[in-house]
Amino acid sequence: MSDTLDHQAPAKAETKGGVVAYLNVEGALRAAEFYVKAFGAEIASQMPPDDQGRTMHVHLYVNGSSVMLSDFYPEHGHAFEKPQAFSLTLIVDDIDAWHRRAVAAGATTTTEPQKMFWGDYYGEVVDPFGVRWAMNQAGD
């Protein structure tokens, strides 16, 4: 590894959830700050940025689960790729409040929250980093 990636590792944070999303985004620290505003995330731990402003690891807690982030590192086999073919689903109690907060933070609505044919309330947003976030609230 290059000297720019040799950082003091932060204290290990507890991993929450049985499946953990690990997102590569352009601007991991900016994304983490956005997720704090948009989804009430908590930054559990993070590596300091390298001399190019990239961050190798950020560990968040979002809605009771861990989500991890990293910038792209093409020199280590992690070249830029646009997020596609997946969404992260938030199981929520108040979809309208979650949706409003995400949009106020800068997310773009792709599906307005609405009652769906399966009986639940569902909506989707895309964040400024290209990640699709679905929200699902159990129906009455």
C-alpha atoms as a PDB file:
ATOM      1  CA  MET A   1       0.000   0.000   0.000  1.00  0.00           C
ATOM      2  CA  SER A   2       1.110   3.530  -0.602  1.00  0.00           C
ATOM      3  CA  ASP A   3       2.114   5.781   2.247  1.00  0.00           C
ATOM      4  CA  THR A   4      -1.004   7.890   1.669  1.00  0.00           C
ATOM      5  CA  LEU A   5      -3.184   4.958   2.702  1.00  0.00           C
ATOM      6  CA  ASP A   6      -1.282   4.026   5.841  1.00  0.00           C
ATOM      7  CA  HIS A   7      -3.531   5.667   8.439  1.00  0.00           C
ATOM      8  CA  GLN A   8      -4.048   4.906  12.058  1.00  0.00           C
ATOM      9  CA  ALA A   9      -7.147   2.705  12.138  1.00  0.00           C
ATOM     10  CA  PRO A  10     -10.003   4.069  14.231  1.00  0.00           C
ATOM     11  CA  ALA A  11     -11.485   2.065  17.060  1.00  0.00           C
ATOM     12  CA  LYS A  12     -13.582  -0.732  15.597  1.00  0.00           C
ATOM     13  CA  ALA A  13     -17.308  -0.026  15.575  1.00  0.00           C
ATOM     14  CA  GLU A  14     -19.892  -2.747  16.124  1.00  0.00           C
ATOM     15  CA  THR A  15     -21.316  -4.041  12.840  1.00  0.00           C
ATOM     16  CA  LYS A  16     -25.112  -4.102  12.904  1.00  0.00           C
ATOM     17  CA  GLY A  17     -27.289  -6.252  10.656  1.00  0.00           C
ATOM     18  CA  GLY A  18     -26.845  -9.584   8.938  1.00  0.00           C
ATOM     19  CA  VAL A  19     -26.090  -8.128   5.497  1.00  0.00           C
ATOM     20  CA  VAL A  20     -24.111  -4.907   5.307  1.00  0.00           C
ATOM     21  CA  ALA A  21     -24.053  -2.680   2.234  1.00  0.00           C
ATOM     22  CA  TYR A  22     -20.594  -1.416   1.333  1.00  0.00           C
ATOM     23  CA  LEU A  23     -20.865   1.481  -1.096  1.00  0.00           C
ATOM     24  CA  ASN A  24     -18.106   2.904  -3.240  1.00  0.00           C
ATOM     25  CA  VAL A  25     -18.943   6.543  -3.904  1.00  0.00           C
ATOM     26  CA  GLU A  26     -17.107   9.579  -5.153  1.00  0.00           C
ATOM     27  CA  GLY A  27     -16.680  11.529  -1.925  1.00  0.00           C
ATOM     28  CA  ALA A  28     -17.210   9.078   0.944  1.00  0.00           C
ATOM     29  CA  LEU A  29     -16.994  11.724   3.672  1.00  0.00           C
ATOM     30  CA  ARG A  30     -19.410  14.022   1.797  1.00  0.00           C
ATOM     31  CA  ALA A  31     -21.753  11.059   1.328  1.00  0.00           C
ATOM     32  CA  ALA A  32     -21.554  10.236   5.038  1.00  0.00           C
ATOM     33  CA  GLU A  33     -22.435  13.831   5.921  1.00  0.00           C
ATOM     34  CA  PHE A  34     -25.332  13.705   3.445  1.00  0.00           C
ATOM     35  CA  TYR A  35     -26.624  10.443   4.969  1.00  0.00           C
ATOM     36  CA  VAL A  36     -26.534  12.048   8.425  1.00  0.00           C
ATOM     37  CA  LYS A  37     -28.800  14.847   7.146  1.00  0.00           C
ATOM     38  CA  ALA A  38     -30.984  12.777   4.823  1.00  0.00           C
ATOM     39  CA  PHE A  39     -31.485   9.571   6.802  1.00  0.00           C
ATOM     40  CA  GLY A  40     -30.438  10.373  10.363  1.00  0.00           C
ATOM     41  CA  ALA A  41     -27.272   8.292  10.015  1.00  0.00           C
ATOM     42  CA  GLU A  42     -24.646   8.215  12.743  1.00  0.00           C
ATOM     43  CA  ILE A  43     -20.959   8.052  11.844  1.00  0.00           C
ATOM     44  CA  ALA A  44     -19.657   5.116  13.886  1.00  0.00           C
ATOM     45  CA  SER A  45     -16.058   5.321  12.647  1.00  0.00           C
ATOM     46  CA  GLN A  46     -14.023   6.662   9.767  1.00  0.00           C
ATOM     47  CA  MET A  47     -10.536   6.653   8.378  1.00  0.00           C
ATOM     48  CA  PRO A  48      -8.950  10.045   7.799  1.00  0.00           C
ATOM     49  CA  PRO A  49      -8.767  11.239   4.191  1.00  0.00           C
ATOM     50  CA  ASP A  50      -5.596  10.658   2.204  1.00  0.00           C
ATOM     51  CA  ASP A  51      -3.591  13.447   0.538  1.00  0.00           C
ATOM     52  CA  GLN A  52      -6.038  13.347  -2.424  1.00  0.00           C
ATOM     53  CA  GLY A  53      -9.050  13.826  -0.135  1.00  0.00           C
ATOM     54  CA  ARG A  54     -10.241  10.233  -0.517  1.00  0.00           C
ATOM     55  CA  THR A  55     -11.410   8.121   2.392  1.00  0.00           C
ATOM     56  CA  MET A  56     -10.818   4.387   2.474  1.00  0.00           C
ATOM     57  CA  HIS A  57     -13.491   3.542   5.048  1.00  0.00           C
ATOM     58  CA  VAL A  58     -16.501   5.129   6.748  1.00  0.00           C
ATOM     59  CA  HIS A  59     -18.826   3.054   8.935  1.00  0.00           C
ATOM     60  CA  LEU A  60     -22.349   4.436   9.449  1.00  0.00           C
ATOM     61  CA  TYR A  61     -25.399   3.352  11.373  1.00  0.00           C
ATOM     62  CA  VAL A  62     -28.538   3.971   9.319  1.00  0.00           C
ATOM     63  CA  ASN A  63     -31.955   3.008  10.676  1.00  0.00           C
ATOM     64  CA  GLY A  64     -30.471   0.346  12.977  1.00  0.00           C
ATOM     65  CA  SER A  65     -28.066  -1.209  10.443  1.00  0.00           C
ATOM     66  CA  SER A  66     -24.481  -0.687   9.345  1.00  0.00           C
ATOM     67  CA  VAL A  67     -23.705   0.880   5.982  1.00  0.00           C
ATOM     68  CA  MET A  68     -20.086   1.269   4.967  1.00  0.00           C
ATOM     69  CA  LEU A  69     -18.547   3.635   2.422  1.00  0.00           C
ATOM     70  CA  SER A  70     -15.308   4.110   0.572  1.00  0.00           C
ATOM     71  CA  ASP A  71     -14.038   6.378  -2.139  1.00  0.00           C
ATOM     72  CA  PHE A  72     -12.817   4.799  -5.355  1.00  0.00           C
ATOM     73  CA  TYR A  73      -9.165   3.716  -5.475  1.00  0.00           C
ATOM     74  CA  PRO A  74      -8.395   2.812  -9.110  1.00  0.00           C
ATOM     75  CA  GLU A  75      -4.739   2.156  -8.276  1.00  0.00           C
ATOM     76  CA  HIS A  76      -5.930  -0.646  -5.965  1.00  0.00           C
ATOM     77  CA  GLY A  77      -8.495  -2.181  -8.325  1.00  0.00           C
ATOM     78  CA  HIS A  78     -11.505  -0.082  -7.286  1.00  0.00           C
ATOM     79  CA  ALA A  79     -12.166   2.136 -10.297  1.00  0.00           C
ATOM     80  CA  PHE A  80     -15.149   4.472 -10.562  1.00  0.00           C
ATOM     81  CA  GLU A  81     -18.432   2.741 -11.388  1.00  0.00           C
ATOM     82  CA  LYS A  82     -21.833   4.381 -11.472  1.00  0.00           C
ATOM     83  CA  PRO A  83     -24.193   2.754  -8.935  1.00  0.00           C
ATOM     84  CA  GLN A  84     -26.769   0.604 -10.717  1.00  0.00           C
ATOM     85  CA  ALA A  85     -29.095  -2.372 -10.415  1.00  0.00           C
ATOM     86  CA  PHE A  86     -29.692  -2.140  -6.660  1.00  0.00           C
ATOM     87  CA  SER A  87     -31.449  -0.065  -4.039  1.00  0.00           C
ATOM     88  CA  LEU A  88     -31.080   0.178  -0.294  1.00  0.00           C
ATOM     89  CA  THR A  89     -34.427  -0.269   1.459  1.00  0.00           C
ATOM     90  CA  LEU A  90     -35.283   1.548   4.666  1.00  0.00           C
ATOM     91  CA  ILE A  91     -38.077  -0.053   6.693  1.00  0.00           C
ATOM     92  CA  VAL A  92     -39.707   2.957   8.367  1.00  0.00           C
ATOM     93  CA  ASP A  93     -42.698   3.913  10.518  1.00  0.00           C
ATOM     94  CA  ASP A  94     -43.317   7.373   9.000  1.00  0.00           C
ATOM     95  CA  ILE A  95     -42.470   7.301   5.305  1.00  0.00           C
ATOM     96  CA  ASP A  96     -43.598  10.885   4.719  1.00  0.00           C
ATOM     97  CA  ALA A  97     -41.179  12.241   7.339  1.00  0.00           C
ATOM     98  CA  TRP A  98     -38.289  10.126   6.001  1.00  0.00           C
ATOM     99  CA  HIS A  99     -39.054  11.197   2.437  1.00  0.00           C
ATOM    100  CA  ARG A 100     -39.289  14.915   3.331  1.00  0.00           C
ATOM    101  CA  ARG A 101     -35.978  14.810   5.226  1.00  0.00           C
ATOM    102  CA  ALA A 102     -34.190  13.058   2.343  1.00  0.00           C
ATOM    103  CA  VAL A 103     -35.515  15.512  -0.248  1.00  0.00           C
ATOM    104  CA  ALA A 104     -34.722  18.514   1.971  1.00  0.00           C
ATOM    105  CA  ALA A 105     -31.131  17.228   2.230  1.00  0.00           C
ATOM    106  CA  GLY A 106     -30.834  17.012  -1.575  1.00  0.00           C
ATOM    107  CA  ALA A 107     -32.180  13.619  -2.661  1.00  0.00           C
ATOM    108  CA  THR A 108     -34.333  13.431  -5.800  1.00  0.00           C
ATOM    109  CA  THR A 109     -37.700  11.672  -5.694  1.00  0.00           C
ATOM    110  CA  THR A 110     -38.118   8.884  -8.240  1.00  0.00           C
ATOM    111  CA  THR A 111     -41.298   7.401  -6.734  1.00  0.00           C
ATOM    112  CA  GLU A 112     -43.530   9.524  -4.501  1.00  0.00           C
ATOM    113  CA  PRO A 113     -44.543   7.720  -1.297  1.00  0.00           C
ATOM    114  CA  GLN A 114     -47.854   6.016  -1.983  1.00  0.00           C
ATOM    115  CA  LYS A 115     -49.923   3.002  -1.044  1.00  0.00           C
ATOM    116  CA  MET A 116     -48.879   0.123  -3.269  1.00  0.00           C
ATOM    117  CA  PHE A 117     -50.766  -2.901  -4.555  1.00  0.00           C
ATOM    118  CA  TRP A 118     -49.166  -5.085  -1.870  1.00  0.00           C
ATOM    119  CA  GLY A 119     -50.688  -2.882   0.843  1.00  0.00           C
ATOM    120  CA  ASP A 120     -47.597  -1.059   2.131  1.00  0.00           C
ATOM    121  CA  TYR A 121     -46.576   2.559   1.586  1.00  0.00           C
ATOM    122  CA  TYR A 122     -43.513   2.795  -0.630  1.00  0.00           C
ATOM    123  CA  GLY A 123     -41.360   5.497  -2.210  1.00  0.00           C
ATOM    124  CA  GLU A 124     -37.894   5.973  -3.659  1.00  0.00           C
ATOM    125  CA  VAL A 125     -35.250   8.674  -3.851  1.00  0.00           C
ATOM    126  CA  VAL A 126     -31.831   8.884  -5.470  1.00  0.00           C
ATOM    127  CA  ASP A 127     -29.090  10.592  -3.496  1.00  0.00           C
ATOM    128  CA  PRO A 128     -26.532  13.000  -5.007  1.00  0.00           C
ATOM    129  CA  PHE A 129     -24.044  10.101  -5.225  1.00  0.00           C
ATOM    130  CA  GLY A 130     -26.316   8.025  -7.481  1.00  0.00           C
ATOM    131  CA  VAL A 131     -27.497   5.545  -4.836  1.00  0.00           C
ATOM    132  CA  ARG A 132     -31.201   4.605  -4.939  1.00  0.00           C
ATOM    133  CA  TRP A 133     -32.917   4.479  -1.541  1.00  0.00           C
ATOM    134  CA  ALA A 134     -36.313   2.808  -1.214  1.00  0.00           C
ATOM    135  CA  MET A 135     -38.556   3.425   1.786  1.00  0.00           C
ATOM    136  CA  ASN A 136     -41.237   0.994   2.883  1.00  0.00           C
ATOM    137  CA  GLN A 137     -43.837   1.467   5.622  1.00  0.00           C
ATOM    138  CA  ALA A 138     -46.169  -1.356   6.582  1.00  0.00           C
ATOM    139  CA  GLY A 139     -49.753  -0.713   5.511  1.00  0.00           C
ATOM    140  CA  ASP A 140     -52.790  -0.592   7.747  1.00  0.00           C
END
